[in-house]
Amino acid sequence: MNILIFGPPGSGKSTHSRKIVERYDLKYISSGDIIRAEIAKATELGKEMERYLSRGDLIPDVVVNTLILSKLRRIRNNFIIDGYPRTAEQVLALENYLYDHGIRLDVAIDIFISKETSIERISGRRICKSCGAVYHVLYNPPKIPNKCDVCGSELIQRKDDMPEIVSRRYDIYIKNMEPIIKFYQKQGIYVQINGHGGIEEVWERIRPLLDYIYNKEKKRKEHE
């Protein structure tokens, strides 16, 4: 089973990707994780990507395509790609790659939330500057304000989590995703999921769909 999952900032796509990986034993390709790992290395590429993110801008397509497709070459099948493609150019690069390697996508899941919800979820996030533990001022506050429960270090708000940056990221996402959504609708694999509500509530909107696809694919292989 091969899946694309995307959604606006704060939609919970990474959280649900990990639940999907665990339930269906898939390989996880996260554009965000790959980019953050490069930034953490403090390479020239990482520094350049960080500058884009701090402004709320998208990283150039050629960079993202190279990072994602190089990861996909080592996986081939039974994967979920989180947060990619994000532009028409990225769709073209991905589709060309999949066609050349005989790989088929089963579903493209769009976890949709409103702009107001996106800003509330992201701008309330706080991260420990030492150990990386993640909190939220409303949904998962630390026991002591601005102090990490794990190591006691100070909690910070990332530059790209500021409300004005989140608002810009949301607007860019919606604009860029319009042609991508239309493309996957024509492919017959696009499904929009209501991302409002708690994690388990949203998961119960996703799980039956993937159970159906998984069981259908399993039966097909048994009869080959």
N, C-alpha and C. Protein backbone atom coordinates (compact mmCIF):
# COMPACT_ATOMS: atom_id res chain seq x y z
N MET A 1 0.85 -1.19 0.00
CA MET A 1 0.00 0.00 0.00
C MET A 1 0.89 1.24 0.00
N ASN A 2 0.67 2.12 -0.98
CA ASN A 2 1.47 3.33 -1.12
C ASN A 2 0.56 4.55 -0.96
N ILE A 3 0.94 5.44 -0.05
CA ILE A 3 0.06 6.53 0.37
C ILE A 3 0.78 7.88 0.30
N LEU A 4 0.04 8.90 -0.13
CA LEU A 4 0.45 10.29 0.07
C LEU A 4 -0.45 10.87 1.15
N ILE A 5 0.13 11.67 2.04
CA ILE A 5 -0.69 12.34 3.04
C ILE A 5 -0.23 13.79 3.14
N PHE A 6 -1.19 14.70 3.08
CA PHE A 6 -0.83 16.10 3.20
C PHE A 6 -1.94 16.86 3.92
N GLY A 7 -1.66 18.11 4.23
CA GLY A 7 -2.61 18.93 4.96
C GLY A 7 -1.94 20.22 5.36
N PRO A 8 -2.71 21.25 5.72
CA PRO A 8 -2.14 22.53 6.14
C PRO A 8 -1.30 22.37 7.41
N PRO A 9 -0.49 23.38 7.73
CA PRO A 9 0.28 23.33 8.98
C PRO A 9 -0.66 23.07 10.17
N GLY A 10 -0.28 22.13 11.02
CA GLY A 10 -1.08 21.83 12.20
C GLY A 10 -2.21 20.85 11.97
N SER A 11 -2.29 20.26 10.78
CA SER A 11 -3.40 19.35 10.48
C SER A 11 -3.25 17.99 11.16
N GLY A 12 -2.06 17.69 11.65
CA GLY A 12 -1.83 16.40 12.32
C GLY A 12 -1.39 15.30 11.38
N LYS A 13 -0.94 15.67 10.18
CA LYS A 13 -0.58 14.65 9.19
C LYS A 13 0.59 13.79 9.66
N SER A 14 1.55 14.38 10.36
CA SER A 14 2.69 13.59 10.84
C SER A 14 2.27 12.63 11.95
N THR A 15 1.41 13.10 12.84
CA THR A 15 0.89 12.25 13.91
C THR A 15 0.16 11.04 13.33
N HIS A 16 -0.71 11.29 12.36
CA HIS A 16 -1.48 10.20 11.76
C HIS A 16 -0.62 9.34 10.84
N SER A 17 0.39 9.93 10.24
CA SER A 17 1.33 9.13 9.44
C SER A 17 1.97 8.05 10.29
N ARG A 18 2.37 8.42 11.48
CA ARG A 18 3.03 7.45 12.37
C ARG A 18 2.06 6.37 12.83
N LYS A 19 0.81 6.71 13.03
CA LYS A 19 -0.20 5.70 13.36
C LYS A 19 -0.41 4.76 12.19
N ILE A 20 -0.40 5.31 10.98
CA ILE A 20 -0.56 4.50 9.77
C ILE A 20 0.63 3.56 9.60
N VAL A 21 1.83 4.09 9.80
CA VAL A 21 3.05 3.28 9.68
C VAL A 21 2.99 2.09 10.62
N GLU A 22 2.56 2.34 11.85
CA GLU A 22 2.51 1.27 12.86
C GLU A 22 1.44 0.24 12.53
N ARG A 23 0.28 0.68 12.09
CA ARG A 23 -0.83 -0.25 11.85
C ARG A 23 -0.62 -1.10 10.61
N TYR A 24 -0.04 -0.49 9.56
CA TYR A 24 0.05 -1.20 8.27
C TYR A 24 1.48 -1.56 7.88
N ASP A 25 2.42 -1.33 8.79
CA ASP A 25 3.82 -1.72 8.59
C ASP A 25 4.38 -1.11 7.30
N LEU A 26 4.28 0.21 7.18
CA LEU A 26 4.78 0.91 6.02
C LEU A 26 6.08 1.64 6.34
N LYS A 27 6.81 1.98 5.30
CA LYS A 27 8.01 2.81 5.46
C LYS A 27 7.57 4.27 5.43
N TYR A 28 8.20 5.08 6.27
CA TYR A 28 7.79 6.48 6.45
C TYR A 28 8.79 7.43 5.81
N ILE A 29 8.28 8.25 4.87
CA ILE A 29 9.11 9.28 4.24
C ILE A 29 8.49 10.63 4.57
N SER A 30 9.15 11.40 5.41
CA SER A 30 8.62 12.69 5.85
C SER A 30 9.49 13.81 5.30
N SER A 31 8.89 14.67 4.49
CA SER A 31 9.65 15.80 3.96
C SER A 31 10.15 16.69 5.10
N GLY A 32 9.31 16.88 6.12
CA GLY A 32 9.70 17.72 7.26
C GLY A 32 10.88 17.13 8.01
N ASP A 33 10.84 15.82 8.28
CA ASP A 33 11.94 15.17 9.01
C ASP A 33 13.24 15.24 8.22
N ILE A 34 13.16 15.02 6.92
CA ILE A 34 14.36 15.05 6.08
C ILE A 34 14.97 16.44 6.05
N ILE A 35 14.11 17.45 5.93
CA ILE A 35 14.58 18.84 5.90
C ILE A 35 15.17 19.24 7.25
N ARG A 36 14.48 18.89 8.34
CA ARG A 36 14.99 19.26 9.67
C ARG A 36 16.32 18.56 9.97
N ALA A 37 16.48 17.33 9.49
CA ALA A 37 17.74 16.61 9.70
C ALA A 37 18.89 17.33 8.99
N GLU A 38 18.61 17.83 7.80
CA GLU A 38 19.63 18.56 7.03
C GLU A 38 19.97 19.88 7.72
N ILE A 39 18.95 20.55 8.26
CA ILE A 39 19.17 21.81 8.99
C ILE A 39 20.00 21.55 10.24
N ALA A 40 19.72 20.44 10.94
CA ALA A 40 20.45 20.11 12.17
C ALA A 40 21.92 19.85 11.91
N LYS A 41 22.26 19.40 10.70
CA LYS A 41 23.66 19.17 10.35
C LYS A 41 24.42 20.47 10.14
N ALA A 42 23.67 21.57 10.01
CA ALA A 42 24.26 22.90 9.81
C ALA A 42 25.11 22.97 8.54
N THR A 43 24.69 22.21 7.52
CA THR A 43 25.37 22.30 6.23
C THR A 43 24.94 23.59 5.54
N GLU A 44 25.63 23.96 4.46
CA GLU A 44 25.24 25.15 3.72
C GLU A 44 23.82 25.01 3.18
N LEU A 45 23.48 23.80 2.70
CA LEU A 45 22.13 23.55 2.23
C LEU A 45 21.13 23.69 3.37
N GLY A 46 21.48 23.14 4.53
CA GLY A 46 20.61 23.24 5.69
C GLY A 46 20.37 24.67 6.12
N LYS A 47 21.41 25.47 6.12
CA LYS A 47 21.29 26.88 6.50
C LYS A 47 20.39 27.64 5.52
N GLU A 48 20.56 27.32 4.23
CA GLU A 48 19.74 27.97 3.21
C GLU A 48 18.27 27.59 3.38
N MET A 49 18.00 26.30 3.65
CA MET A 49 16.63 25.85 3.85
C MET A 49 16.01 26.51 5.08
N GLU A 50 16.80 26.68 6.13
CA GLU A 50 16.31 27.31 7.34
C GLU A 50 15.90 28.76 7.08
N ARG A 51 16.62 29.44 6.21
CA ARG A 51 16.27 30.82 5.88
C ARG A 51 14.91 30.88 5.17
N TYR A 52 14.67 29.93 4.29
CA TYR A 52 13.37 29.87 3.62
C TYR A 52 12.25 29.65 4.64
N LEU A 53 12.45 28.67 5.52
CA LEU A 53 11.41 28.32 6.49
C LEU A 53 11.13 29.46 7.47
N SER A 54 12.15 30.17 7.88
CA SER A 54 11.97 31.25 8.85
C SER A 54 11.12 32.38 8.28
N ARG A 55 11.08 32.49 6.94
CA ARG A 55 10.25 33.50 6.28
C ARG A 55 8.86 32.96 5.95
N GLY A 56 8.66 31.67 6.15
CA GLY A 56 7.39 31.05 5.78
C GLY A 56 7.31 30.70 4.32
N ASP A 57 8.45 30.72 3.62
CA ASP A 57 8.49 30.41 2.19
C ASP A 57 8.75 28.92 1.96
N LEU A 58 8.41 28.47 0.75
CA LEU A 58 8.69 27.09 0.38
C LEU A 58 10.14 26.94 -0.06
N ILE A 59 10.72 25.82 0.27
CA ILE A 59 12.08 25.49 -0.19
C ILE A 59 12.00 25.17 -1.68
N PRO A 60 13.00 25.58 -2.47
CA PRO A 60 12.95 25.34 -3.93
C PRO A 60 12.67 23.89 -4.28
N ASP A 61 11.90 23.69 -5.35
CA ASP A 61 11.47 22.37 -5.77
C ASP A 61 12.64 21.43 -6.03
N VAL A 62 13.66 21.94 -6.70
CA VAL A 62 14.78 21.07 -7.08
C VAL A 62 15.44 20.45 -5.84
N VAL A 63 15.49 21.20 -4.75
CA VAL A 63 16.09 20.70 -3.51
C VAL A 63 15.20 19.63 -2.89
N VAL A 64 13.90 19.93 -2.76
CA VAL A 64 12.97 18.99 -2.13
C VAL A 64 12.85 17.71 -2.95
N ASN A 65 12.76 17.85 -4.27
CA ASN A 65 12.67 16.67 -5.13
C ASN A 65 13.86 15.74 -4.94
N THR A 66 15.04 16.32 -4.90
CA THR A 66 16.26 15.52 -4.73
C THR A 66 16.25 14.78 -3.41
N LEU A 67 15.87 15.46 -2.33
CA LEU A 67 15.87 14.85 -1.00
C LEU A 67 14.85 13.71 -0.90
N ILE A 68 13.64 13.94 -1.41
CA ILE A 68 12.57 12.95 -1.28
C ILE A 68 12.81 11.75 -2.20
N LEU A 69 13.13 12.01 -3.45
CA LEU A 69 13.27 10.91 -4.40
C LEU A 69 14.49 10.05 -4.10
N SER A 70 15.53 10.63 -3.53
CA SER A 70 16.69 9.82 -3.14
C SER A 70 16.31 8.87 -2.01
N LYS A 71 15.42 9.31 -1.14
CA LYS A 71 14.91 8.45 -0.07
C LYS A 71 14.01 7.36 -0.64
N LEU A 72 13.17 7.73 -1.60
CA LEU A 72 12.23 6.78 -2.19
C LEU A 72 12.95 5.68 -2.95
N ARG A 73 14.10 5.98 -3.51
CA ARG A 73 14.86 4.97 -4.27
C ARG A 73 15.26 3.79 -3.39
N ARG A 74 15.39 4.03 -2.09
CA ARG A 74 15.82 2.96 -1.17
C ARG A 74 14.63 2.19 -0.59
N ILE A 75 13.41 2.64 -0.92
CA ILE A 75 12.23 2.03 -0.33
C ILE A 75 11.36 1.30 -1.36
N ARG A 76 11.04 1.97 -2.45
CA ARG A 76 10.34 1.39 -3.59
C ARG A 76 8.83 1.18 -3.37
N ASN A 77 8.43 0.40 -2.36
CA ASN A 77 7.01 0.09 -2.18
C ASN A 77 6.65 0.00 -0.70
N ASN A 78 5.33 -0.02 -0.44
CA ASN A 78 4.80 -0.05 0.93
C ASN A 78 5.31 1.14 1.74
N PHE A 79 4.92 2.33 1.29
CA PHE A 79 5.41 3.56 1.92
C PHE A 79 4.28 4.56 2.11
N ILE A 80 4.53 5.53 2.97
CA ILE A 80 3.69 6.71 3.10
C ILE A 80 4.60 7.92 3.01
N ILE A 81 4.25 8.87 2.15
CA ILE A 81 5.01 10.10 2.00
C ILE A 81 4.22 11.23 2.64
N ASP A 82 4.82 11.87 3.62
CA ASP A 82 4.18 12.90 4.43
C ASP A 82 4.67 14.28 3.97
N GLY A 83 3.72 15.12 3.49
CA GLY A 83 4.04 16.50 3.17
C GLY A 83 4.67 16.74 1.82
N TYR A 84 4.53 15.80 0.92
CA TYR A 84 5.08 15.92 -0.43
C TYR A 84 4.20 15.12 -1.36
N PRO A 85 3.89 15.66 -2.56
CA PRO A 85 4.35 16.90 -3.17
C PRO A 85 3.56 18.11 -2.70
N ARG A 86 4.19 19.30 -2.80
CA ARG A 86 3.58 20.54 -2.36
C ARG A 86 3.42 21.56 -3.48
N THR A 87 3.97 21.28 -4.65
CA THR A 87 3.84 22.17 -5.80
C THR A 87 3.60 21.33 -7.05
N ALA A 88 3.15 21.99 -8.12
CA ALA A 88 2.92 21.28 -9.38
C ALA A 88 4.20 20.66 -9.90
N GLU A 89 5.32 21.36 -9.73
CA GLU A 89 6.61 20.85 -10.19
C GLU A 89 7.01 19.59 -9.42
N GLN A 90 6.69 19.56 -8.13
CA GLN A 90 6.99 18.37 -7.33
C GLN A 90 6.11 17.20 -7.74
N VAL A 91 4.85 17.47 -8.08
CA VAL A 91 3.97 16.41 -8.57
C VAL A 91 4.55 15.80 -9.84
N LEU A 92 5.01 16.65 -10.75
CA LEU A 92 5.57 16.17 -12.01
C LEU A 92 6.79 15.29 -11.76
N ALA A 93 7.67 15.73 -10.87
CA ALA A 93 8.87 14.95 -10.56
C ALA A 93 8.50 13.60 -9.94
N LEU A 94 7.56 13.60 -9.02
CA LEU A 94 7.14 12.36 -8.36
C LEU A 94 6.46 11.42 -9.34
N GLU A 95 5.54 11.95 -10.14
CA GLU A 95 4.80 11.10 -11.07
C GLU A 95 5.73 10.48 -12.12
N ASN A 96 6.69 11.25 -12.60
CA ASN A 96 7.67 10.71 -13.55
C ASN A 96 8.47 9.58 -12.91
N TYR A 97 8.86 9.78 -11.66
CA TYR A 97 9.63 8.75 -10.94
C TYR A 97 8.79 7.48 -10.77
N LEU A 98 7.55 7.64 -10.32
CA LEU A 98 6.68 6.48 -10.09
C LEU A 98 6.42 5.73 -11.39
N TYR A 99 6.19 6.46 -12.46
CA TYR A 99 5.93 5.83 -13.76
C TYR A 99 7.15 5.04 -14.24
N ASP A 100 8.32 5.67 -14.12
CA ASP A 100 9.56 5.02 -14.58
C ASP A 100 9.85 3.74 -13.80
N HIS A 101 9.40 3.65 -12.55
CA HIS A 101 9.71 2.50 -11.71
C HIS A 101 8.51 1.58 -11.49
N GLY A 102 7.42 1.83 -12.21
CA GLY A 102 6.26 0.95 -12.12
C GLY A 102 5.60 0.93 -10.76
N ILE A 103 5.59 2.07 -10.08
CA ILE A 103 5.02 2.17 -8.74
C ILE A 103 3.65 2.87 -8.82
N ARG A 104 2.66 2.31 -8.12
CA ARG A 104 1.31 2.86 -8.14
C ARG A 104 0.93 3.40 -6.77
N LEU A 105 0.30 4.59 -6.75
CA LEU A 105 -0.23 5.15 -5.51
C LEU A 105 -1.65 4.62 -5.28
N ASP A 106 -1.96 4.31 -4.03
CA ASP A 106 -3.29 3.81 -3.70
C ASP A 106 -4.24 4.91 -3.27
N VAL A 107 -3.73 5.91 -2.55
CA VAL A 107 -4.61 6.97 -2.05
C VAL A 107 -3.78 8.21 -1.71
N ALA A 108 -4.41 9.37 -1.93
CA ALA A 108 -3.82 10.65 -1.52
C ALA A 108 -4.77 11.27 -0.50
N ILE A 109 -4.35 11.30 0.75
CA ILE A 109 -5.19 11.76 1.85
C ILE A 109 -4.87 13.21 2.19
N ASP A 110 -5.91 14.04 2.20
CA ASP A 110 -5.78 15.46 2.53
C ASP A 110 -6.50 15.70 3.85
N ILE A 111 -5.75 15.92 4.93
CA ILE A 111 -6.37 16.23 6.23
C ILE A 111 -6.58 17.74 6.30
N PHE A 112 -7.81 18.16 6.14
CA PHE A 112 -8.08 19.60 6.02
C PHE A 112 -8.50 20.22 7.35
N ILE A 113 -7.94 21.41 7.65
CA ILE A 113 -8.37 22.22 8.79
C ILE A 113 -8.46 23.68 8.34
N SER A 114 -9.19 24.48 9.10
CA SER A 114 -9.35 25.90 8.78
C SER A 114 -8.08 26.66 9.11
N LYS A 115 -7.99 27.87 8.58
CA LYS A 115 -6.83 28.73 8.87
C LYS A 115 -6.76 29.06 10.35
N GLU A 116 -7.92 29.33 10.96
CA GLU A 116 -7.94 29.67 12.38
C GLU A 116 -7.41 28.52 13.24
N THR A 117 -7.83 27.31 12.90
CA THR A 117 -7.36 26.13 13.63
C THR A 117 -5.87 25.93 13.42
N SER A 118 -5.41 26.12 12.21
CA SER A 118 -3.98 25.97 11.89
C SER A 118 -3.14 26.91 12.74
N ILE A 119 -3.54 28.18 12.80
CA ILE A 119 -2.77 29.17 13.57
C ILE A 119 -2.80 28.83 15.06
N GLU A 120 -3.96 28.43 15.56
CA GLU A 120 -4.07 28.09 16.99
C GLU A 120 -3.17 26.91 17.35
N ARG A 121 -3.20 25.87 16.52
CA ARG A 121 -2.42 24.66 16.82
C ARG A 121 -0.92 24.91 16.73
N ILE A 122 -0.49 25.62 15.67
CA ILE A 122 0.94 25.80 15.46
C ILE A 122 1.54 26.88 16.34
N SER A 123 0.87 28.02 16.45
CA SER A 123 1.46 29.12 17.22
C SER A 123 1.50 28.81 18.72
N GLY A 124 0.71 27.85 19.16
CA GLY A 124 0.75 27.46 20.57
C GLY A 124 1.80 26.42 20.90
N ARG A 125 2.53 25.96 19.89
CA ARG A 125 3.54 24.92 20.10
C ARG A 125 4.79 25.51 20.75
N ARG A 126 5.35 24.76 21.69
CA ARG A 126 6.60 25.14 22.33
C ARG A 126 7.53 23.93 22.34
N ILE A 127 8.81 24.17 22.13
CA ILE A 127 9.79 23.08 22.00
C ILE A 127 10.94 23.30 22.97
N CYS A 128 11.37 22.22 23.63
CA CYS A 128 12.53 22.31 24.52
C CYS A 128 13.78 22.53 23.69
N LYS A 129 14.54 23.56 24.02
CA LYS A 129 15.73 23.89 23.22
C LYS A 129 16.87 22.91 23.47
N SER A 130 16.73 22.07 24.52
CA SER A 130 17.79 21.10 24.82
C SER A 130 17.48 19.70 24.30
N CYS A 131 16.32 19.15 24.68
CA CYS A 131 16.03 17.76 24.32
C CYS A 131 15.02 17.62 23.19
N GLY A 132 14.37 18.72 22.80
CA GLY A 132 13.45 18.67 21.67
C GLY A 132 12.04 18.23 22.00
N ALA A 133 11.72 18.03 23.27
CA ALA A 133 10.35 17.65 23.65
C ALA A 133 9.37 18.74 23.22
N VAL A 134 8.17 18.31 22.78
CA VAL A 134 7.20 19.25 22.22
C VAL A 134 6.00 19.39 23.16
N TYR A 135 5.57 20.65 23.35
CA TYR A 135 4.42 20.96 24.19
C TYR A 135 3.47 21.89 23.43
N HIS A 136 2.31 22.12 24.02
CA HIS A 136 1.37 23.10 23.48
C HIS A 136 0.75 23.86 24.64
N VAL A 137 0.67 25.18 24.50
CA VAL A 137 0.21 26.01 25.61
C VAL A 137 -1.23 25.68 26.01
N LEU A 138 -2.04 25.16 25.08
CA LEU A 138 -3.43 24.82 25.39
C LEU A 138 -3.65 23.33 25.57
N TYR A 139 -3.12 22.51 24.65
CA TYR A 139 -3.45 21.10 24.61
C TYR A 139 -2.48 20.19 25.35
N ASN A 140 -1.26 20.65 25.54
CA ASN A 140 -0.26 19.82 26.22
C ASN A 140 0.76 20.71 26.93
N PRO A 141 0.29 21.49 27.91
CA PRO A 141 1.20 22.43 28.59
C PRO A 141 2.18 21.70 29.52
N PRO A 142 3.37 22.28 29.73
CA PRO A 142 4.31 21.68 30.70
C PRO A 142 3.79 21.88 32.12
N LYS A 143 4.30 21.09 33.05
CA LYS A 143 3.85 21.21 34.44
C LYS A 143 4.24 22.55 35.02
N ILE A 144 5.44 23.04 34.67
CA ILE A 144 5.90 24.36 35.08
C ILE A 144 5.99 25.22 33.83
N PRO A 145 5.33 26.40 33.79
CA PRO A 145 5.33 27.23 32.60
C PRO A 145 6.73 27.49 32.04
N ASN A 146 6.87 27.24 30.73
CA ASN A 146 8.12 27.51 29.99
C ASN A 146 9.30 26.64 30.42
N LYS A 147 9.02 25.54 31.15
CA LYS A 147 10.08 24.62 31.55
C LYS A 147 9.76 23.20 31.07
N CYS A 148 10.74 22.53 30.51
CA CYS A 148 10.55 21.18 30.00
C CYS A 148 10.34 20.19 31.14
N ASP A 149 9.32 19.35 31.03
CA ASP A 149 9.06 18.31 32.04
C ASP A 149 10.18 17.27 32.07
N VAL A 150 10.85 17.08 30.94
CA VAL A 150 11.85 16.02 30.82
C VAL A 150 13.19 16.44 31.41
N CYS A 151 13.68 17.61 30.97
CA CYS A 151 15.04 18.01 31.38
C CYS A 151 15.11 19.35 32.10
N GLY A 152 13.99 20.05 32.20
CA GLY A 152 13.97 21.31 32.92
C GLY A 152 14.48 22.51 32.15
N SER A 153 14.83 22.32 30.90
CA SER A 153 15.36 23.43 30.09
C SER A 153 14.24 24.35 29.63
N GLU A 154 14.63 25.49 29.11
CA GLU A 154 13.67 26.49 28.65
C GLU A 154 12.95 26.02 27.39
N LEU A 155 11.67 26.36 27.30
CA LEU A 155 10.89 26.09 26.10
C LEU A 155 10.90 27.32 25.20
N ILE A 156 10.97 27.08 23.91
CA ILE A 156 11.03 28.18 22.96
C ILE A 156 9.94 28.01 21.89
N GLN A 157 9.64 29.10 21.22
CA GLN A 157 8.75 29.06 20.06
C GLN A 157 9.59 29.25 18.81
N ARG A 158 9.52 28.29 17.88
CA ARG A 158 10.29 28.40 16.65
C ARG A 158 9.81 29.60 15.84
N LYS A 159 10.72 30.18 15.08
CA LYS A 159 10.38 31.35 14.26
C LYS A 159 9.24 31.04 13.31
N ASP A 160 9.27 29.84 12.71
CA ASP A 160 8.23 29.51 11.74
C ASP A 160 6.92 29.10 12.40
N ASP A 161 6.86 29.14 13.75
CA ASP A 161 5.61 28.88 14.46
C ASP A 161 4.90 30.17 14.89
N MET A 162 5.49 31.33 14.58
CA MET A 162 4.86 32.60 14.91
C MET A 162 3.55 32.75 14.11
N PRO A 163 2.50 33.33 14.72
CA PRO A 163 1.20 33.42 14.05
C PRO A 163 1.25 34.00 12.64
N GLU A 164 2.02 35.08 12.44
CA GLU A 164 2.07 35.70 11.12
C GLU A 164 2.73 34.79 10.09
N ILE A 165 3.72 33.99 10.54
CA ILE A 165 4.38 33.05 9.64
C ILE A 165 3.46 31.88 9.32
N VAL A 166 2.75 31.40 10.33
CA VAL A 166 1.80 30.29 10.12
C VAL A 166 0.71 30.72 9.13
N SER A 167 0.22 31.93 9.29
CA SER A 167 -0.80 32.45 8.38
C SER A 167 -0.29 32.48 6.95
N ARG A 168 0.95 32.91 6.77
CA ARG A 168 1.55 32.95 5.43
C ARG A 168 1.73 31.53 4.87
N ARG A 169 2.21 30.62 5.72
CA ARG A 169 2.40 29.24 5.29
C ARG A 169 1.08 28.61 4.87
N TYR A 170 0.01 28.91 5.61
CA TYR A 170 -1.31 28.36 5.29
C TYR A 170 -1.78 28.86 3.93
N ASP A 171 -1.65 30.16 3.70
CA ASP A 171 -2.10 30.75 2.43
C ASP A 171 -1.33 30.16 1.25
N ILE A 172 -0.03 29.99 1.43
CA ILE A 172 0.80 29.41 0.37
C ILE A 172 0.37 27.97 0.11
N TYR A 173 0.12 27.24 1.18
CA TYR A 173 -0.29 25.84 1.06
C TYR A 173 -1.58 25.73 0.25
N ILE A 174 -2.60 26.50 0.62
CA ILE A 174 -3.90 26.43 -0.04
C ILE A 174 -3.77 26.77 -1.52
N LYS A 175 -3.02 27.82 -1.83
CA LYS A 175 -2.84 28.24 -3.22
C LYS A 175 -2.14 27.17 -4.05
N ASN A 176 -1.06 26.63 -3.50
CA ASN A 176 -0.26 25.64 -4.24
C ASN A 176 -0.96 24.29 -4.37
N MET A 177 -1.83 23.96 -3.42
CA MET A 177 -2.44 22.64 -3.43
C MET A 177 -3.64 22.54 -4.37
N GLU A 178 -4.19 23.65 -4.81
CA GLU A 178 -5.37 23.59 -5.68
C GLU A 178 -5.16 22.73 -6.92
N PRO A 179 -4.09 22.96 -7.71
CA PRO A 179 -3.90 22.10 -8.90
C PRO A 179 -3.52 20.67 -8.53
N ILE A 180 -2.85 20.49 -7.39
CA ILE A 180 -2.45 19.15 -6.96
C ILE A 180 -3.68 18.33 -6.58
N ILE A 181 -4.59 18.96 -5.86
CA ILE A 181 -5.84 18.29 -5.49
C ILE A 181 -6.63 17.90 -6.73
N LYS A 182 -6.73 18.81 -7.69
CA LYS A 182 -7.44 18.51 -8.93
C LYS A 182 -6.80 17.34 -9.67
N PHE A 183 -5.46 17.30 -9.67
CA PHE A 183 -4.75 16.22 -10.34
C PHE A 183 -5.09 14.87 -9.73
N TYR A 184 -5.02 14.77 -8.40
CA TYR A 184 -5.28 13.48 -7.75
C TYR A 184 -6.77 13.13 -7.74
N GLN A 185 -7.64 14.15 -7.84
CA GLN A 185 -9.06 13.87 -8.03
C GLN A 185 -9.29 13.18 -9.37
N LYS A 186 -8.61 13.67 -10.41
CA LYS A 186 -8.73 13.05 -11.73
C LYS A 186 -8.16 11.64 -11.73
N GLN A 187 -7.14 11.41 -10.89
CA GLN A 187 -6.57 10.07 -10.77
C GLN A 187 -7.50 9.12 -10.02
N GLY A 188 -8.48 9.70 -9.33
CA GLY A 188 -9.44 8.89 -8.58
C GLY A 188 -8.93 8.39 -7.25
N ILE A 189 -7.89 9.03 -6.71
CA ILE A 189 -7.32 8.54 -5.45
C ILE A 189 -7.36 9.59 -4.34
N TYR A 190 -7.92 10.76 -4.61
CA TYR A 190 -7.94 11.85 -3.62
C TYR A 190 -9.09 11.67 -2.63
N VAL A 191 -8.77 11.81 -1.35
CA VAL A 191 -9.79 11.76 -0.29
C VAL A 191 -9.50 12.87 0.71
N GLN A 192 -10.49 13.73 0.95
CA GLN A 192 -10.33 14.77 1.97
C GLN A 192 -10.92 14.28 3.29
N ILE A 193 -10.14 14.46 4.36
CA ILE A 193 -10.54 14.06 5.71
C ILE A 193 -10.70 15.33 6.56
N ASN A 194 -11.79 15.39 7.29
CA ASN A 194 -12.00 16.51 8.23
C ASN A 194 -10.99 16.37 9.38
N GLY A 195 -10.08 17.34 9.48
CA GLY A 195 -9.03 17.26 10.49
C GLY A 195 -9.34 17.94 11.80
N HIS A 196 -10.56 18.47 11.95
CA HIS A 196 -10.93 19.13 13.20
C HIS A 196 -11.33 18.08 14.24
N GLY A 197 -11.03 18.38 15.51
CA GLY A 197 -11.33 17.44 16.58
C GLY A 197 -10.06 16.82 17.14
N GLY A 198 -10.24 15.89 18.07
CA GLY A 198 -9.11 15.24 18.71
C GLY A 198 -8.43 14.23 17.80
N ILE A 199 -7.26 13.77 18.21
CA ILE A 199 -6.46 12.84 17.40
C ILE A 199 -7.24 11.56 17.11
N GLU A 200 -7.83 10.96 18.13
CA GLU A 200 -8.55 9.70 17.93
C GLU A 200 -9.80 9.89 17.08
N GLU A 201 -10.43 11.04 17.23
CA GLU A 201 -11.62 11.34 16.43
C GLU A 201 -11.27 11.40 14.94
N VAL A 202 -10.17 12.07 14.62
CA VAL A 202 -9.73 12.18 13.22
C VAL A 202 -9.25 10.82 12.73
N TRP A 203 -8.54 10.09 13.59
CA TRP A 203 -8.03 8.77 13.21
C TRP A 203 -9.16 7.83 12.80
N GLU A 204 -10.29 7.91 13.48
CA GLU A 204 -11.42 7.04 13.16
C GLU A 204 -12.10 7.43 11.85
N ARG A 205 -11.74 8.59 11.30
CA ARG A 205 -12.18 8.95 9.96
C ARG A 205 -11.23 8.39 8.90
N ILE A 206 -9.98 8.19 9.30
CA ILE A 206 -8.95 7.71 8.37
C ILE A 206 -8.89 6.19 8.32
N ARG A 207 -8.93 5.55 9.49
CA ARG A 207 -8.68 4.11 9.62
C ARG A 207 -9.59 3.24 8.75
N PRO A 208 -10.93 3.45 8.73
CA PRO A 208 -11.77 2.57 7.90
C PRO A 208 -11.40 2.61 6.42
N LEU A 209 -11.04 3.79 5.93
CA LEU A 209 -10.63 3.92 4.53
C LEU A 209 -9.40 3.07 4.25
N LEU A 210 -8.40 3.18 5.10
CA LEU A 210 -7.15 2.45 4.88
C LEU A 210 -7.31 0.96 5.14
N ASP A 211 -8.16 0.60 6.09
CA ASP A 211 -8.45 -0.83 6.31
C ASP A 211 -9.04 -1.44 5.04
N TYR A 212 -9.94 -0.71 4.41
CA TYR A 212 -10.57 -1.19 3.17
C TYR A 212 -9.54 -1.39 2.07
N ILE A 213 -8.68 -0.38 1.87
CA ILE A 213 -7.65 -0.47 0.83
C ILE A 213 -6.67 -1.60 1.13
N TYR A 214 -6.26 -1.69 2.38
CA TYR A 214 -5.29 -2.71 2.80
C TYR A 214 -5.84 -4.11 2.58
N ASN A 215 -7.08 -4.34 3.01
CA ASN A 215 -7.69 -5.67 2.87
C ASN A 215 -7.96 -6.02 1.41
N LYS A 216 -8.33 -5.03 0.62
CA LYS A 216 -8.55 -5.25 -0.80
C LYS A 216 -7.25 -5.66 -1.50
N GLU A 217 -6.16 -4.97 -1.15
CA GLU A 217 -4.86 -5.29 -1.74
C GLU A 217 -4.37 -6.66 -1.29
N LYS A 218 -4.63 -6.99 -0.03
CA LYS A 218 -4.23 -8.28 0.52
C LYS A 218 -4.95 -9.42 -0.23
N LYS A 219 -6.24 -9.27 -0.47
CA LYS A 219 -7.00 -10.29 -1.18
C LYS A 219 -6.52 -10.43 -2.62
N ARG A 220 -6.19 -9.29 -3.23
CA ARG A 220 -5.70 -9.32 -4.63
C ARG A 220 -4.41 -10.13 -4.73
N LYS A 221 -3.50 -9.91 -3.78
CA LYS A 221 -2.22 -10.63 -3.80
C LYS A 221 -2.42 -12.12 -3.54
N GLU A 222 -3.40 -12.45 -2.70
CA GLU A 222 -3.65 -13.87 -2.42
C GLU A 222 -4.16 -14.62 -3.63
N HIS A 223 -4.78 -13.92 -4.57
CA HIS A 223 -5.35 -14.56 -5.76
C HIS A 223 -4.45 -14.44 -6.99
N GLU A 224 -3.26 -13.86 -6.82
CA GLU A 224 -2.35 -13.76 -7.95
C GLU A 224 -1.69 -15.09 -8.27
